[in-house]
Amino acid sequence: MVKFNASDLHVKVGSPPGYRIDSQIQPVANVDALAPQDTLALAQQLLTPEQFKELNDRGDLDWAHSVPGLARFRVNAMKQRGSISLFFRKIPVEAPDLDMLGVPAVCKELVLRTRGLVLVTGPAGAGKSTTMAAMIAHRNANERGHILTIEDPVEFIHQDVMSFVNQREVGSDTPSFPEALQRAFRQDPDVILVSELRDQRTISLALTGAEADHLVLSTLPTTGAVQTLDRLVEYFPRDQHQQIRLQLAETLAGVVSQVLVPRVGGGLVAAHEVLIGTDDVRESIRGGRTNQLPSLMRAGTAQGMVLLDESLARLTREGTIHLEDAWSRALERADPRAPGV
């Protein structure tokens, strides 16, 4: 997997293992299809007895696995049709630099703020964890303070640089995201990272933390700022929607949404959408008028805002991505040639 620079490894019964390279899954050459005992033996080799029991009880399990001197991997195991399948995602040993990732420059400013909610969003496999880890590394290299992460599992390992960094893993260090977040407010953090906003309670506590002068970073599996904010509100009963809109309007620092697109010549490149919590943006959120946000982003380039479709159009004009790949990922498709072209 490391040798072929694959991002993921799929292991399942009935097929040879498969590497995901440049978004395509390719079976490993000259390897026979796996039998149930093969994947079972691999799971038993990687898991402690307690973890294996949890896998059997729950049906799936997430954890991080390290191979010293080689790499770290985020691993998921699941039961399916009476057998076990495993999925490995390669994690770089060190968090990448924001400039190397090509993320918008405003991300550096967002992660140095003293308070507010910063959301990094995108579909599965879009590199959200990598972007957020790079933002934490930038904060750690430039600001003194306390960074507290709550992850499932812990992926990138952050050493203390200018900040003290504590990393808690759900399952081994704390029973749940809500429990860890509730305790976090007594642990004097300047920055709280929550690897994903998965439920109503976690979202509510994250908003409370952002209101209480903490910088809170998290992810959602949504594409685009409008969908992200609407999804957050929809987690709650209708009679709480206005309260959540008010909290979001008060706390939102920014939304950075990204998708990965095949690069011409091989590899992947990220296209981004950025929404910054300006006064006009806050007013639109407060009034439930998220349909106005694209216009505000289009007019907000001086504040670092950009629409995903504009980012795709720029990459297309530069010859970095193919027209059809841009078109398939555009949020608005009024022009059949390409977004914004």
C-alpha atoms as a PDB file:
ATOM      1  CA  MET A   1       0.000   0.000   0.000  1.00  0.00           C
ATOM      2  CA  VAL A   2       2.752   2.440   0.947  1.00  0.00           C
ATOM      3  CA  LYS A   3       4.930   1.299  -1.958  1.00  0.00           C
ATOM      4  CA  PHE A   4       2.205   2.051  -4.533  1.00  0.00           C
ATOM      5  CA  ASN A   5       1.187   5.316  -2.807  1.00  0.00           C
ATOM      6  CA  ALA A   6      -2.365   4.043  -2.363  1.00  0.00           C
ATOM      7  CA  SER A   7      -4.669   6.047  -0.136  1.00  0.00           C
ATOM      8  CA  ASP A   8      -6.757   3.043   0.946  1.00  0.00           C
ATOM      9  CA  LEU A   9      -6.659  -0.736   1.143  1.00  0.00           C
ATOM     10  CA  HIS A  10      -9.850  -2.827   0.943  1.00  0.00           C
ATOM     11  CA  VAL A  11      -9.820  -6.371   2.320  1.00  0.00           C
ATOM     12  CA  LYS A  12     -12.904  -8.566   1.875  1.00  0.00           C
ATOM     13  CA  VAL A  13     -13.920 -12.162   1.337  1.00  0.00           C
ATOM     14  CA  GLY A  14     -14.377 -13.302  -2.268  1.00  0.00           C
ATOM     15  CA  SER A  15     -11.895 -10.895  -3.888  1.00  0.00           C
ATOM     16  CA  PRO A  16      -8.178 -10.163  -3.700  1.00  0.00           C
ATOM     17  CA  PRO A  17      -7.247  -7.079  -1.668  1.00  0.00           C
ATOM     18  CA  GLY A  18      -7.726  -3.785  -3.520  1.00  0.00           C
ATOM     19  CA  TYR A  19      -5.735  -0.552  -3.466  1.00  0.00           C
ATOM     20  CA  ARG A  20      -7.405   2.825  -4.053  1.00  0.00           C
ATOM     21  CA  ILE A  21      -5.041   4.834  -6.251  1.00  0.00           C
ATOM     22  CA  ASP A  22      -6.159   8.207  -7.683  1.00  0.00           C
ATOM     23  CA  SER A  23      -9.745   7.469  -6.557  1.00  0.00           C
ATOM     24  CA  GLN A  24      -9.912   4.107  -8.404  1.00  0.00           C
ATOM     25  CA  ILE A  25      -9.863   0.713  -6.623  1.00  0.00           C
ATOM     26  CA  GLN A  26      -7.458  -1.728  -8.275  1.00  0.00           C
ATOM     27  CA  PRO A  27      -7.169  -5.413  -7.252  1.00  0.00           C
ATOM     28  CA  VAL A  28      -3.707  -6.436  -6.111  1.00  0.00           C
ATOM     29  CA  ALA A  29      -2.067  -8.432  -8.902  1.00  0.00           C
ATOM     30  CA  ASN A  30      -1.246 -12.111  -8.480  1.00  0.00           C
ATOM     31  CA  VAL A  31      -3.143 -12.480  -5.196  1.00  0.00           C
ATOM     32  CA  ASP A  32      -5.933 -15.026  -4.808  1.00  0.00           C
ATOM     33  CA  ALA A  33      -9.427 -14.163  -3.600  1.00  0.00           C
ATOM     34  CA  LEU A  34      -9.595 -14.124   0.195  1.00  0.00           C
ATOM     35  CA  ALA A  35     -11.480 -16.711   2.238  1.00  0.00           C
ATOM     36  CA  PRO A  36     -13.417 -16.005   5.467  1.00  0.00           C
ATOM     37  CA  GLN A  37     -10.598 -17.416   7.583  1.00  0.00           C
ATOM     38  CA  ASP A  38      -8.132 -14.989   5.946  1.00  0.00           C
ATOM     39  CA  THR A  39      -9.942 -11.808   6.966  1.00  0.00           C
ATOM     40  CA  LEU A  40     -10.838 -13.282  10.362  1.00  0.00           C
ATOM     41  CA  ALA A  41      -7.171 -14.051  11.054  1.00  0.00           C
ATOM     42  CA  LEU A  42      -6.155 -10.524  10.001  1.00  0.00           C
ATOM     43  CA  ALA A  43      -8.743  -8.935  12.308  1.00  0.00           C
ATOM     44  CA  GLN A  44      -7.654 -11.119  15.219  1.00  0.00           C
ATOM     45  CA  GLN A  45      -4.021 -10.220  14.575  1.00  0.00           C
ATOM     46  CA  LEU A  46      -4.705  -6.468  14.611  1.00  0.00           C
ATOM     47  CA  LEU A  47      -7.220  -6.276  17.470  1.00  0.00           C
ATOM     48  CA  THR A  48      -6.948  -6.808  21.192  1.00  0.00           C
ATOM     49  CA  PRO A  49      -9.378  -9.388  22.644  1.00  0.00           C
ATOM     50  CA  GLU A  50     -11.497  -6.524  24.021  1.00  0.00           C
ATOM     51  CA  GLN A  51     -11.631  -4.811  20.617  1.00  0.00           C
ATOM     52  CA  PHE A  52     -12.499  -8.060  18.858  1.00  0.00           C
ATOM     53  CA  LYS A  53     -15.384  -8.608  21.281  1.00  0.00           C
ATOM     54  CA  GLU A  54     -16.602  -5.061  20.579  1.00  0.00           C
ATOM     55  CA  LEU A  55     -16.462  -5.762  16.836  1.00  0.00           C
ATOM     56  CA  ASN A  56     -18.561  -8.899  17.317  1.00  0.00           C
ATOM     57  CA  ASP A  57     -21.042  -7.090  19.573  1.00  0.00           C
ATOM     58  CA  ARG A  58     -21.422  -3.906  17.480  1.00  0.00           C
ATOM     59  CA  GLY A  59     -20.777  -5.213  13.984  1.00  0.00           C
ATOM     60  CA  ASP A  60     -18.113  -2.597  13.161  1.00  0.00           C
ATOM     61  CA  LEU A  61     -15.155  -0.878  14.788  1.00  0.00           C
ATOM     62  CA  ASP A  62     -12.809   2.065  14.101  1.00  0.00           C
ATOM     63  CA  TRP A  63      -9.252   2.291  15.379  1.00  0.00           C
ATOM     64  CA  ALA A  64      -5.778   3.507  14.458  1.00  0.00           C
ATOM     65  CA  HIS A  65      -2.900   1.126  13.733  1.00  0.00           C
ATOM     66  CA  SER A  66       0.806   2.001  13.582  1.00  0.00           C
ATOM     67  CA  VAL A  67       3.607   0.204  11.785  1.00  0.00           C
ATOM     68  CA  PRO A  68       6.816   1.654  13.283  1.00  0.00           C
ATOM     69  CA  GLY A  69       9.050   3.196  10.671  1.00  0.00           C
ATOM     70  CA  LEU A  70       6.409   2.876   7.950  1.00  0.00           C
ATOM     71  CA  ALA A  71       3.080   4.644   8.530  1.00  0.00           C
ATOM     72  CA  ARG A  72      -0.077   4.981  10.585  1.00  0.00           C
ATOM     73  CA  PHE A  73      -3.428   3.765   9.347  1.00  0.00           C
ATOM     74  CA  ARG A  74      -7.037   4.530  10.184  1.00  0.00           C
ATOM     75  CA  VAL A  75      -8.783   1.165  10.143  1.00  0.00           C
ATOM     76  CA  ASN A  76     -12.429   0.138  10.025  1.00  0.00           C
ATOM     77  CA  ALA A  77     -13.584  -3.459  10.367  1.00  0.00           C
ATOM     78  CA  MET A  78     -17.154  -4.547   9.749  1.00  0.00           C
ATOM     79  CA  LYS A  79     -19.150  -7.749   9.672  1.00  0.00           C
ATOM     80  CA  GLN A  80     -20.944  -8.520   6.421  1.00  0.00           C
ATOM     81  CA  ARG A  81     -22.675 -11.716   5.265  1.00  0.00           C
ATOM     82  CA  GLY A  82     -21.077 -13.710   8.030  1.00  0.00           C
ATOM     83  CA  SER A  83     -17.504 -12.578   7.368  1.00  0.00           C
ATOM     84  CA  ILE A  84     -15.252  -9.619   8.214  1.00  0.00           C
ATOM     85  CA  SER A  85     -14.168  -6.834   5.848  1.00  0.00           C
ATOM     86  CA  LEU A  86     -11.414  -4.347   6.672  1.00  0.00           C
ATOM     87  CA  PHE A  87     -10.597  -0.913   5.290  1.00  0.00           C
ATOM     88  CA  PHE A  88      -7.262   0.848   5.800  1.00  0.00           C
ATOM     89  CA  ARG A  89      -6.639   4.572   5.216  1.00  0.00           C
ATOM     90  CA  LYS A  90      -3.007   5.696   5.196  1.00  0.00           C
ATOM     91  CA  ILE A  91      -2.221   8.593   7.536  1.00  0.00           C
ATOM     92  CA  PRO A  92       1.017  10.543   7.034  1.00  0.00           C
ATOM     93  CA  VAL A  93       3.395  10.363   9.982  1.00  0.00           C
ATOM     94  CA  GLU A  94       3.379  14.154  10.280  1.00  0.00           C
ATOM     95  CA  ALA A  95       0.561  16.589   9.643  1.00  0.00           C
ATOM     96  CA  PRO A  96       1.111  18.271   6.266  1.00  0.00           C
ATOM     97  CA  ASP A  97       1.720  21.963   5.801  1.00  0.00           C
ATOM     98  CA  LEU A  98      -1.281  24.055   4.795  1.00  0.00           C
ATOM     99  CA  ASP A  99       0.631  25.556   1.872  1.00  0.00           C
ATOM    100  CA  MET A 100       1.538  22.081   0.590  1.00  0.00           C
ATOM    101  CA  LEU A 101      -2.140  21.093   0.647  1.00  0.00           C
ATOM    102  CA  GLY A 102      -3.093  24.117  -1.438  1.00  0.00           C
ATOM    103  CA  VAL A 103      -5.933  25.132   0.882  1.00  0.00           C
ATOM    104  CA  PRO A 104      -7.152  28.745   0.768  1.00  0.00           C
ATOM    105  CA  ALA A 105      -4.878  31.131   2.644  1.00  0.00           C
ATOM    106  CA  VAL A 106      -7.732  32.242   4.882  1.00  0.00           C
ATOM    107  CA  CYS A 107      -7.515  28.869   6.680  1.00  0.00           C
ATOM    108  CA  LYS A 108      -4.389  30.133   8.436  1.00  0.00           C
ATOM    109  CA  GLU A 109      -6.302  33.127   9.747  1.00  0.00           C
ATOM    110  CA  LEU A 110      -9.299  31.054  10.807  1.00  0.00           C
ATOM    111  CA  VAL A 111      -7.294  28.644  12.964  1.00  0.00           C
ATOM    112  CA  LEU A 112      -5.512  31.502  14.757  1.00  0.00           C
ATOM    113  CA  ARG A 113      -8.762  33.056  15.961  1.00  0.00           C
ATOM    114  CA  THR A 114      -9.476  33.142  19.688  1.00  0.00           C
ATOM    115  CA  ARG A 115     -13.068  31.908  19.495  1.00  0.00           C
ATOM    116  CA  GLY A 116     -15.759  30.642  17.166  1.00  0.00           C
ATOM    117  CA  LEU A 117     -16.763  27.572  15.171  1.00  0.00           C
ATOM    118  CA  VAL A 118     -14.737  26.435  12.159  1.00  0.00           C
ATOM    119  CA  LEU A 119     -16.165  23.608  10.043  1.00  0.00           C
ATOM    120  CA  VAL A 120     -14.222  21.573   7.488  1.00  0.00           C
ATOM    121  CA  THR A 121     -16.662  19.686   5.297  1.00  0.00           C
ATOM    122  CA  GLY A 122     -16.821  17.439   2.278  1.00  0.00           C
ATOM    123  CA  PRO A 123     -17.804  13.938   1.180  1.00  0.00           C
ATOM    124  CA  ALA A 124     -16.099  10.840   2.559  1.00  0.00           C
ATOM    125  CA  GLY A 125     -12.493  10.602   1.409  1.00  0.00           C
ATOM    126  CA  ALA A 126     -12.218  14.328   0.607  1.00  0.00           C
ATOM    127  CA  GLY A 127      -9.294  14.886   2.978  1.00  0.00           C
ATOM    128  CA  LYS A 128     -11.175  16.665   5.769  1.00  0.00           C
ATOM    129  CA  SER A 129      -9.078  15.074   8.536  1.00  0.00           C
ATOM    130  CA  THR A 130      -5.870  15.996   6.716  1.00  0.00           C
ATOM    131  CA  THR A 131      -6.897  19.627   6.275  1.00  0.00           C
ATOM    132  CA  MET A 132      -7.979  19.917   9.897  1.00  0.00           C
ATOM    133  CA  ALA A 133      -4.731  18.312  11.104  1.00  0.00           C
ATOM    134  CA  ALA A 134      -2.732  20.807   9.032  1.00  0.00           C
ATOM    135  CA  MET A 135      -4.717  23.664  10.590  1.00  0.00           C
ATOM    136  CA  ILE A 136      -3.992  22.342  14.084  1.00  0.00           C
ATOM    137  CA  ALA A 137      -0.290  22.024  13.202  1.00  0.00           C
ATOM    138  CA  HIS A 138      -0.281  25.663  12.031  1.00  0.00           C
ATOM    139  CA  ARG A 139      -1.871  26.798  15.287  1.00  0.00           C
ATOM    140  CA  ASN A 140       0.587  24.696  17.282  1.00  0.00           C
ATOM    141  CA  ALA A 141       3.540  26.263  15.456  1.00  0.00           C
ATOM    142  CA  ASN A 142       2.357  29.855  15.904  1.00  0.00           C
ATOM    143  CA  GLU A 143       0.392  30.262  19.142  1.00  0.00           C
ATOM    144  CA  ARG A 144       0.933  29.381  22.788  1.00  0.00           C
ATOM    145  CA  GLY A 145      -1.962  27.701  24.527  1.00  0.00           C
ATOM    146  CA  HIS A 146      -3.742  24.393  25.015  1.00  0.00           C
ATOM    147  CA  ILE A 147      -5.076  22.371  22.071  1.00  0.00           C
ATOM    148  CA  LEU A 148      -7.428  19.527  23.006  1.00  0.00           C
ATOM    149  CA  THR A 149      -8.549  17.021  20.369  1.00  0.00           C
ATOM    150  CA  ILE A 150     -11.360  14.472  20.675  1.00  0.00           C
ATOM    151  CA  GLU A 151     -11.107  11.904  17.892  1.00  0.00           C
ATOM    152  CA  ASP A 152     -12.431   8.529  16.798  1.00  0.00           C
ATOM    153  CA  PRO A 153      -9.778   7.323  16.278  1.00  0.00           C
ATOM    154  CA  VAL A 154      -6.753   9.572  16.855  1.00  0.00           C
ATOM    155  CA  GLU A 155      -5.128   9.892  13.434  1.00  0.00           C
ATOM    156  CA  PHE A 156      -2.312  12.446  13.175  1.00  0.00           C
ATOM    157  CA  ILE A 157      -0.048  12.659  16.234  1.00  0.00           C
ATOM    158  CA  HIS A 158       0.758  16.247  17.262  1.00  0.00           C
ATOM    159  CA  GLN A 159       3.820  16.934  19.393  1.00  0.00           C
ATOM    160  CA  ASP A 160       3.965  19.968  21.672  1.00  0.00           C
ATOM    161  CA  VAL A 161       5.557  22.870  19.776  1.00  0.00           C
ATOM    162  CA  MET A 162       4.330  26.251  20.999  1.00  0.00           C
ATOM    163  CA  SER A 163       1.132  24.773  22.437  1.00  0.00           C
ATOM    164  CA  PHE A 164       0.418  21.915  24.794  1.00  0.00           C
ATOM    165  CA  VAL A 165      -1.517  19.291  22.809  1.00  0.00           C
ATOM    166  CA  ASN A 166      -3.703  16.621  24.411  1.00  0.00           C
ATOM    167  CA  GLN A 167      -5.381  14.046  22.153  1.00  0.00           C
ATOM    168  CA  ARG A 168      -8.244  11.898  23.446  1.00  0.00           C
ATOM    169  CA  GLU A 169      -9.577   8.866  21.612  1.00  0.00           C
ATOM    170  CA  VAL A 170     -13.233   7.928  21.930  1.00  0.00           C
ATOM    171  CA  GLY A 171     -13.473   4.400  23.283  1.00  0.00           C
ATOM    172  CA  SER A 172     -10.076   4.210  24.954  1.00  0.00           C
ATOM    173  CA  ASP A 173      -9.724   7.635  26.625  1.00  0.00           C
ATOM    174  CA  THR A 174     -13.346   8.722  26.881  1.00  0.00           C
ATOM    175  CA  PRO A 175     -16.692   6.940  26.404  1.00  0.00           C
ATOM    176  CA  SER A 176     -18.177   9.370  23.857  1.00  0.00           C
ATOM    177  CA  PHE A 177     -17.875  12.710  22.087  1.00  0.00           C
ATOM    178  CA  PRO A 178     -20.522  14.405  24.294  1.00  0.00           C
ATOM    179  CA  GLU A 179     -18.884  13.148  27.479  1.00  0.00           C
ATOM    180  CA  ALA A 180     -15.447  14.366  26.382  1.00  0.00           C
ATOM    181  CA  LEU A 181     -16.805  17.747  25.239  1.00  0.00           C
ATOM    182  CA  GLN A 182     -18.611  18.307  28.513  1.00  0.00           C
ATOM    183  CA  ARG A 183     -15.402  17.571  30.443  1.00  0.00           C
ATOM    184  CA  ALA A 184     -13.327  19.673  28.028  1.00  0.00           C
ATOM    185  CA  PHE A 185     -14.699  22.943  29.373  1.00  0.00           C
ATOM    186  CA  ARG A 186     -12.962  22.170  32.706  1.00  0.00           C
ATOM    187  CA  GLN A 187      -9.619  21.394  31.048  1.00  0.00           C
ATOM    188  CA  ASP A 188      -8.700  24.988  30.118  1.00  0.00           C
ATOM    189  CA  PRO A 189      -8.503  24.544  26.318  1.00  0.00           C
ATOM    190  CA  ASP A 190      -7.944  27.366  23.874  1.00  0.00           C
ATOM    191  CA  VAL A 191      -8.769  25.118  20.911  1.00  0.00           C
ATOM    192  CA  ILE A 192     -11.074  22.091  20.884  1.00  0.00           C
ATOM    193  CA  LEU A 193     -11.033  19.780  17.879  1.00  0.00           C
ATOM    194  CA  VAL A 194     -13.915  17.308  17.512  1.00  0.00           C
ATOM    195  CA  SER A 195     -13.246  14.901  14.668  1.00  0.00           C
ATOM    196  CA  GLU A 196     -16.902  14.817  13.572  1.00  0.00           C
ATOM    197  CA  LEU A 197     -20.253  16.309  14.597  1.00  0.00           C
ATOM    198  CA  ARG A 198     -22.278  13.109  14.615  1.00  0.00           C
ATOM    199  CA  ASP A 199     -25.329  13.864  16.726  1.00  0.00           C
ATOM    200  CA  GLN A 200     -27.509  16.545  18.247  1.00  0.00           C
ATOM    201  CA  ARG A 201     -25.822  16.481  21.661  1.00  0.00           C
ATOM    202  CA  THR A 202     -22.312  16.843  20.219  1.00  0.00           C
ATOM    203  CA  ILE A 203     -23.401  19.749  17.996  1.00  0.00           C
ATOM    204  CA  SER A 204     -25.092  21.488  20.921  1.00  0.00           C
ATOM    205  CA  LEU A 205     -21.974  21.202  23.102  1.00  0.00           C
ATOM    206  CA  ALA A 206     -19.720  22.354  20.249  1.00  0.00           C
ATOM    207  CA  LEU A 207     -21.844  25.492  19.829  1.00  0.00           C
ATOM    208  CA  THR A 208     -21.749  26.065  23.588  1.00  0.00           C
ATOM    209  CA  GLY A 209     -17.958  25.771  23.533  1.00  0.00           C
ATOM    210  CA  ALA A 210     -17.669  28.264  20.688  1.00  0.00           C
ATOM    211  CA  GLU A 211     -19.915  30.668  22.592  1.00  0.00           C
ATOM    212  CA  ALA A 212     -17.702  30.294  25.689  1.00  0.00           C
ATOM    213  CA  ASP A 213     -14.604  31.808  24.060  1.00  0.00           C
ATOM    214  CA  HIS A 214     -13.082  28.595  22.720  1.00  0.00           C
ATOM    215  CA  LEU A 215     -12.099  27.984  19.107  1.00  0.00           C
ATOM    216  CA  VAL A 216     -13.912  24.791  18.083  1.00  0.00           C
ATOM    217  CA  LEU A 217     -12.996  22.884  14.912  1.00  0.00           C
ATOM    218  CA  SER A 218     -14.952  19.969  13.506  1.00  0.00           C
ATOM    219  CA  THR A 219     -16.089  18.239  10.328  1.00  0.00           C
ATOM    220  CA  LEU A 220     -19.340  17.292   8.612  1.00  0.00           C
ATOM    221  CA  PRO A 221     -19.850  15.008   5.589  1.00  0.00           C
ATOM    222  CA  THR A 222     -21.564  17.774   3.617  1.00  0.00           C
ATOM    223  CA  THR A 223     -20.624  19.584   0.405  1.00  0.00           C
ATOM    224  CA  GLY A 224     -20.881  23.366   0.313  1.00  0.00           C
ATOM    225  CA  ALA A 225     -21.589  25.960   2.971  1.00  0.00           C
ATOM    226  CA  VAL A 226     -25.347  26.117   2.421  1.00  0.00           C
ATOM    227  CA  GLN A 227     -25.849  22.370   2.801  1.00  0.00           C
ATOM    228  CA  THR A 228     -23.586  22.371   5.857  1.00  0.00           C
ATOM    229  CA  LEU A 229     -25.510  25.032   7.757  1.00  0.00           C
ATOM    230  CA  ASP A 230     -28.900  23.639   6.759  1.00  0.00           C
ATOM    231  CA  ARG A 231     -27.829  20.155   7.885  1.00  0.00           C
ATOM    232  CA  LEU A 232     -26.714  21.437  11.279  1.00  0.00           C
ATOM    233  CA  VAL A 233     -30.089  23.063  11.872  1.00  0.00           C
ATOM    234  CA  GLU A 234     -31.969  19.976  10.679  1.00  0.00           C
ATOM    235  CA  TYR A 235     -30.314  17.813  13.351  1.00  0.00           C
ATOM    236  CA  PHE A 236     -32.679  19.508  15.815  1.00  0.00           C
ATOM    237  CA  PRO A 237     -36.484  19.504  16.228  1.00  0.00           C
ATOM    238  CA  ARG A 238     -38.261  22.219  14.289  1.00  0.00           C
ATOM    239  CA  ASP A 239     -39.121  24.192  17.438  1.00  0.00           C
ATOM    240  CA  GLN A 240     -35.368  24.565  18.135  1.00  0.00           C
ATOM    241  CA  HIS A 241     -34.361  25.670  14.637  1.00  0.00           C
ATOM    242  CA  GLN A 242     -34.368  29.389  15.368  1.00  0.00           C
ATOM    243  CA  GLN A 243     -32.318  28.923  18.536  1.00  0.00           C
ATOM    244  CA  ILE A 244     -29.685  26.956  16.583  1.00  0.00           C
ATOM    245  CA  ARG A 245     -29.636  29.587  13.825  1.00  0.00           C
ATOM    246  CA  LEU A 246     -29.001  32.264  16.472  1.00  0.00           C
ATOM    247  CA  GLN A 247     -26.147  30.225  17.971  1.00  0.00           C
ATOM    248  CA  LEU A 248     -24.628  29.613  14.542  1.00  0.00           C
ATOM    249  CA  ALA A 249     -24.921  33.300  13.644  1.00  0.00           C
ATOM    250  CA  GLU A 250     -23.167  34.207  16.879  1.00  0.00           C
ATOM    251  CA  THR A 251     -20.351  31.638  16.709  1.00  0.00           C
ATOM    252  CA  LEU A 252     -19.592  30.805  13.070  1.00  0.00           C
ATOM    253  CA  ALA A 253     -16.049  31.769  12.097  1.00  0.00           C
ATOM    254  CA  GLY A 254     -16.004  29.933   8.801  1.00  0.00           C
ATOM    255  CA  VAL A 255     -16.852  26.903   6.690  1.00  0.00           C
ATOM    256  CA  VAL A 256     -14.198  25.327   4.461  1.00  0.00           C
ATOM    257  CA  SER A 257     -15.738  22.748   2.131  1.00  0.00           C
ATOM    258  CA  GLN A 258     -13.636  20.632  -0.200  1.00  0.00           C
ATOM    259  CA  VAL A 259     -13.888  17.925  -2.846  1.00  0.00           C
ATOM    260  CA  LEU A 260     -11.083  15.944  -4.468  1.00  0.00           C
ATOM    261  CA  VAL A 261     -10.926  15.908  -8.267  1.00  0.00           C
ATOM    262  CA  PRO A 262      -8.715  13.764 -10.539  1.00  0.00           C
ATOM    263  CA  ARG A 263      -5.769  15.823 -11.736  1.00  0.00           C
ATOM    264  CA  VAL A 264      -4.848  15.823 -15.433  1.00  0.00           C
ATOM    265  CA  GLY A 265      -1.855  13.500 -15.682  1.00  0.00           C
ATOM    266  CA  GLY A 266      -2.631  11.628 -12.456  1.00  0.00           C
ATOM    267  CA  GLY A 267      -3.189  12.280  -8.792  1.00  0.00           C
ATOM    268  CA  LEU A 268      -5.875  14.342  -7.085  1.00  0.00           C
ATOM    269  CA  VAL A 269      -6.368  18.039  -6.432  1.00  0.00           C
ATOM    270  CA  ALA A 270      -8.751  19.748  -3.998  1.00  0.00           C
ATOM    271  CA  ALA A 271     -11.355  22.312  -4.975  1.00  0.00           C
ATOM    272  CA  HIS A 272     -12.680  24.472  -2.144  1.00  0.00           C
ATOM    273  CA  GLU A 273     -15.610  26.576  -1.045  1.00  0.00           C
ATOM    274  CA  VAL A 274     -15.068  29.065   1.774  1.00  0.00           C
ATOM    275  CA  LEU A 275     -17.674  30.965   3.771  1.00  0.00           C
ATOM    276  CA  ILE A 276     -16.525  33.517   6.374  1.00  0.00           C
ATOM    277  CA  GLY A 277     -18.759  34.668   9.203  1.00  0.00           C
ATOM    278  CA  THR A 278     -19.065  38.342   8.233  1.00  0.00           C
ATOM    279  CA  ASP A 279     -21.860  40.564   9.537  1.00  0.00           C
ATOM    280  CA  ASP A 280     -23.911  40.021   6.372  1.00  0.00           C
ATOM    281  CA  VAL A 281     -23.434  36.264   6.568  1.00  0.00           C
ATOM    282  CA  ARG A 282     -24.479  36.241  10.229  1.00  0.00           C
ATOM    283  CA  GLU A 283     -27.608  38.233   9.411  1.00  0.00           C
ATOM    284  CA  SER A 284     -28.569  35.779   6.659  1.00  0.00           C
ATOM    285  CA  ILE A 285     -28.060  32.787   8.978  1.00  0.00           C
ATOM    286  CA  ARG A 286     -30.006  34.483  11.767  1.00  0.00           C
ATOM    287  CA  GLY A 287     -32.938  35.054   9.437  1.00  0.00           C
ATOM    288  CA  GLY A 288     -32.879  31.542   7.952  1.00  0.00           C
ATOM    289  CA  ARG A 289     -31.941  32.914   4.532  1.00  0.00           C
ATOM    290  CA  THR A 290     -29.088  30.540   3.651  1.00  0.00           C
ATOM    291  CA  ASN A 291     -30.148  30.815   0.004  1.00  0.00           C
ATOM    292  CA  GLN A 292     -28.480  34.266   0.059  1.00  0.00           C
ATOM    293  CA  LEU A 293     -25.071  32.861   1.026  1.00  0.00           C
ATOM    294  CA  PRO A 294     -23.830  32.076  -2.524  1.00  0.00           C
ATOM    295  CA  SER A 295     -24.297  35.723  -3.504  1.00  0.00           C
ATOM    296  CA  LEU A 296     -22.472  36.850  -0.372  1.00  0.00           C
ATOM    297  CA  MET A 297     -19.608  34.442  -1.099  1.00  0.00           C
ATOM    298  CA  ARG A 298     -19.410  35.666  -4.680  1.00  0.00           C
ATOM    299  CA  ALA A 299     -19.092  39.235  -3.387  1.00  0.00           C
ATOM    300  CA  GLY A 300     -16.773  38.320  -0.520  1.00  0.00           C
ATOM    301  CA  THR A 301     -13.520  37.520  -2.287  1.00  0.00           C
ATOM    302  CA  ALA A 302     -11.714  40.238  -0.338  1.00  0.00           C
ATOM    303  CA  GLN A 303     -12.522  38.354   2.877  1.00  0.00           C
ATOM    304  CA  GLY A 304     -11.229  35.087   1.401  1.00  0.00           C
ATOM    305  CA  MET A 305     -14.581  33.667   0.340  1.00  0.00           C
ATOM    306  CA  VAL A 306     -14.974  31.524  -2.762  1.00  0.00           C
ATOM    307  CA  LEU A 307     -17.692  29.332  -4.260  1.00  0.00           C
ATOM    308  CA  LEU A 308     -16.918  25.701  -5.026  1.00  0.00           C
ATOM    309  CA  ASP A 309     -18.032  26.192  -8.617  1.00  0.00           C
ATOM    310  CA  GLU A 310     -15.629  29.123  -9.003  1.00  0.00           C
ATOM    311  CA  SER A 311     -12.801  26.974  -7.653  1.00  0.00           C
ATOM    312  CA  LEU A 312     -13.685  24.194 -10.115  1.00  0.00           C
ATOM    313  CA  ALA A 313     -13.852  26.706 -12.968  1.00  0.00           C
ATOM    314  CA  ARG A 314     -10.412  28.082 -12.140  1.00  0.00           C
ATOM    315  CA  LEU A 315      -8.881  24.587 -12.041  1.00  0.00           C
ATOM    316  CA  THR A 316     -10.513  23.845 -15.393  1.00  0.00           C
ATOM    317  CA  ARG A 317      -9.199  27.041 -17.013  1.00  0.00           C
ATOM    318  CA  GLU A 318      -5.713  26.295 -15.714  1.00  0.00           C
ATOM    319  CA  GLY A 319      -5.832  22.842 -17.296  1.00  0.00           C
ATOM    320  CA  THR A 320      -5.457  21.150 -13.907  1.00  0.00           C
ATOM    321  CA  ILE A 321      -8.689  19.125 -14.155  1.00  0.00           C
ATOM    322  CA  HIS A 322     -10.900  17.893 -16.979  1.00  0.00           C
ATOM    323  CA  LEU A 323     -14.119  19.693 -17.856  1.00  0.00           C
ATOM    324  CA  GLU A 324     -16.308  16.648 -17.214  1.00  0.00           C
ATOM    325  CA  ASP A 325     -14.808  16.132 -13.738  1.00  0.00           C
ATOM    326  CA  ALA A 326     -15.506  19.750 -12.838  1.00  0.00           C
ATOM    327  CA  TRP A 327     -19.031  19.498 -14.154  1.00  0.00           C
ATOM    328  CA  SER A 328     -19.820  16.335 -12.206  1.00  0.00           C
ATOM    329  CA  ARG A 329     -18.854  18.035  -8.910  1.00  0.00           C
ATOM    330  CA  ALA A 330     -20.436  21.434  -9.479  1.00  0.00           C
ATOM    331  CA  LEU A 331     -23.165  22.511  -7.078  1.00  0.00           C
ATOM    332  CA  GLU A 332     -24.988  24.654  -9.665  1.00  0.00           C
ATOM    333  CA  ARG A 333     -25.132  23.399 -13.243  1.00  0.00           C
ATOM    334  CA  ALA A 334     -26.803  26.163 -15.181  1.00  0.00           C
ATOM    335  CA  ASP A 335     -24.117  26.118 -17.866  1.00  0.00           C
ATOM    336  CA  PRO A 336     -23.535  22.639 -19.357  1.00  0.00           C
ATOM    337  CA  ARG A 337     -19.959  23.475 -20.386  1.00  0.00           C
ATOM    338  CA  ALA A 338     -18.520  23.900 -16.871  1.00  0.00           C
ATOM    339  CA  PRO A 339     -19.226  25.826 -13.673  1.00  0.00           C
ATOM    340  CA  GLY A 340     -18.293  29.443 -14.111  1.00  0.00           C
ATOM    341  CA  VAL A 341     -16.532  28.924 -17.452  1.00  0.00           C
END
